[in-house]
Amino acid sequence: MENRLAEMRKVHLWSQAELAEQLQVSRQTIISIERGRFDPSLPLAFRIARLFDCAIEDVFQPGARDPQPVGQSIAEQVQ
């Protein structure tokens, strides 16, 4: 999943540590999300969207890392 978290954080002039504090997560979590190494849980994604006053889709978009194509079940991928 691709995301605009770093871009949106910089617009607000927040450091990674400041954003982490507001979201009640570690700075390492923010770093991992921004670098695309970690996809946030749904509750965290909602908290991020709420903090930036936008929809989840404004922050997170499907991208090259998505393991499952839309409309295809895991069972269909295995066949």
C-alpha atoms as a PDB file:
ATOM      1  CA  MET A   1       0.000   0.000   0.000  1.00  0.00           C
ATOM      2  CA  GLU A   2       1.286   3.441  -0.833  1.00  0.00           C
ATOM      3  CA  ASN A   3       0.706   6.403   1.443  1.00  0.00           C
ATOM      4  CA  ARG A   4       1.061  10.161   1.691  1.00  0.00           C
ATOM      5  CA  LEU A   5       1.779  10.225   5.416  1.00  0.00           C
ATOM      6  CA  ALA A   6       5.205  11.903   5.183  1.00  0.00           C
ATOM      7  CA  GLU A   7       3.874  14.528   2.781  1.00  0.00           C
ATOM      8  CA  MET A   8       0.876  15.298   4.975  1.00  0.00           C
ATOM      9  CA  ARG A   9       2.995  15.360   8.138  1.00  0.00           C
ATOM     10  CA  LYS A  10       5.409  17.866   6.567  1.00  0.00           C
ATOM     11  CA  VAL A  11       2.551  20.160   5.514  1.00  0.00           C
ATOM     12  CA  HIS A  12       1.656  20.433   9.213  1.00  0.00           C
ATOM     13  CA  LEU A  13       5.346  20.960  10.102  1.00  0.00           C
ATOM     14  CA  TRP A  14       5.280  17.961  12.459  1.00  0.00           C
ATOM     15  CA  SER A  15       8.278  15.784  13.159  1.00  0.00           C
ATOM     16  CA  GLN A  16       7.860  12.028  13.091  1.00  0.00           C
ATOM     17  CA  ALA A  17       8.086  12.060  16.883  1.00  0.00           C
ATOM     18  CA  GLU A  18       5.341  14.697  17.176  1.00  0.00           C
ATOM     19  CA  LEU A  19       3.034  12.749  14.877  1.00  0.00           C
ATOM     20  CA  ALA A  20       3.761   9.542  16.780  1.00  0.00           C
ATOM     21  CA  GLU A  21       2.890  11.232  20.054  1.00  0.00           C
ATOM     22  CA  GLN A  22      -0.414  12.523  18.692  1.00  0.00           C
ATOM     23  CA  LEU A  23      -1.304   9.045  17.419  1.00  0.00           C
ATOM     24  CA  GLN A  24      -0.024   7.307  20.553  1.00  0.00           C
ATOM     25  CA  VAL A  25       2.397   5.079  18.628  1.00  0.00           C
ATOM     26  CA  SER A  26       6.177   4.884  18.474  1.00  0.00           C
ATOM     27  CA  ARG A  27       8.293   7.020  16.176  1.00  0.00           C
ATOM     28  CA  GLN A  28       9.506   3.762  14.619  1.00  0.00           C
ATOM     29  CA  THR A  29       5.896   2.951  13.656  1.00  0.00           C
ATOM     30  CA  ILE A  30       5.612   6.269  11.812  1.00  0.00           C
ATOM     31  CA  ILE A  31       8.941   5.684  10.078  1.00  0.00           C
ATOM     32  CA  SER A  32       7.881   2.191   8.990  1.00  0.00           C
ATOM     33  CA  ILE A  33       4.520   3.400   7.658  1.00  0.00           C
ATOM     34  CA  GLU A  34       6.105   6.300   5.772  1.00  0.00           C
ATOM     35  CA  ARG A  35       8.690   4.001   4.179  1.00  0.00           C
ATOM     36  CA  GLY A  36       6.031   1.480   3.184  1.00  0.00           C
ATOM     37  CA  ARG A  37       7.456  -1.295   5.366  1.00  0.00           C
ATOM     38  CA  PHE A  38       4.349  -1.492   7.557  1.00  0.00           C
ATOM     39  CA  ASP A  39       0.661  -1.103   6.794  1.00  0.00           C
ATOM     40  CA  PRO A  40      -1.236   0.321   9.775  1.00  0.00           C
ATOM     41  CA  SER A  41      -4.095  -1.479  11.432  1.00  0.00           C
ATOM     42  CA  LEU A  42      -7.552  -0.278  10.488  1.00  0.00           C
ATOM     43  CA  PRO A  43      -8.037   1.537  13.822  1.00  0.00           C
ATOM     44  CA  LEU A  44      -4.694   3.334  13.370  1.00  0.00           C
ATOM     45  CA  ALA A  45      -5.552   4.226   9.765  1.00  0.00           C
ATOM     46  CA  PHE A  46      -8.812   5.770  11.017  1.00  0.00           C
ATOM     47  CA  ARG A  47      -6.922   7.739  13.702  1.00  0.00           C
ATOM     48  CA  ILE A  48      -4.483   9.035  11.076  1.00  0.00           C
ATOM     49  CA  ALA A  49      -7.301  10.097   8.753  1.00  0.00           C
ATOM     50  CA  ARG A  50      -9.177  11.753  11.622  1.00  0.00           C
ATOM     51  CA  LEU A  51      -6.057  13.650  12.713  1.00  0.00           C
ATOM     52  CA  PHE A  52      -5.575  15.035   9.188  1.00  0.00           C
ATOM     53  CA  ASP A  53      -9.340  15.613   8.784  1.00  0.00           C
ATOM     54  CA  CYS A  54      -9.591  13.512   5.646  1.00  0.00           C
ATOM     55  CA  ALA A  55     -10.710  10.114   4.386  1.00  0.00           C
ATOM     56  CA  ILE A  56      -8.488   7.072   4.766  1.00  0.00           C
ATOM     57  CA  GLU A  57      -8.273   6.933   0.967  1.00  0.00           C
ATOM     58  CA  ASP A  58      -6.698  10.408   0.986  1.00  0.00           C
ATOM     59  CA  VAL A  59      -3.768   9.002   2.984  1.00  0.00           C
ATOM     60  CA  PHE A  60      -3.528   5.385   1.815  1.00  0.00           C
ATOM     61  CA  GLN A  61      -3.860   4.087  -1.742  1.00  0.00           C
ATOM     62  CA  PRO A  62      -3.475   0.622  -3.240  1.00  0.00           C
ATOM     63  CA  GLY A  63      -0.069   0.262  -4.796  1.00  0.00           C
ATOM     64  CA  ALA A  64       2.589  -2.109  -6.031  1.00  0.00           C
ATOM     65  CA  ARG A  65       2.927  -3.757  -2.610  1.00  0.00           C
ATOM     66  CA  ASP A  66      -0.682  -4.974  -2.560  1.00  0.00           C
ATOM     67  CA  PRO A  67      -0.503  -8.774  -2.423  1.00  0.00           C
ATOM     68  CA  GLN A  68      -4.105  -9.517  -3.407  1.00  0.00           C
ATOM     69  CA  PRO A  69      -5.787  -8.100  -6.529  1.00  0.00           C
ATOM     70  CA  VAL A  70      -9.215  -6.599  -5.951  1.00  0.00           C
ATOM     71  CA  GLY A  71     -12.004  -9.109  -6.459  1.00  0.00           C
ATOM     72  CA  GLN A  72      -9.731 -12.136  -6.269  1.00  0.00           C
ATOM     73  CA  SER A  73      -9.817 -14.364  -3.216  1.00  0.00           C
ATOM     74  CA  ILE A  74      -6.745 -16.004  -1.774  1.00  0.00           C
ATOM     75  CA  ALA A  75      -8.104 -19.393  -2.874  1.00  0.00           C
ATOM     76  CA  GLU A  76      -8.345 -18.138  -6.465  1.00  0.00           C
ATOM     77  CA  GLN A  77      -4.728 -16.928  -6.348  1.00  0.00           C
ATOM     78  CA  VAL A  78      -3.485 -20.354  -5.261  1.00  0.00           C
ATOM     79  CA  GLN A  79      -5.196 -22.240  -8.131  1.00  0.00           C
END
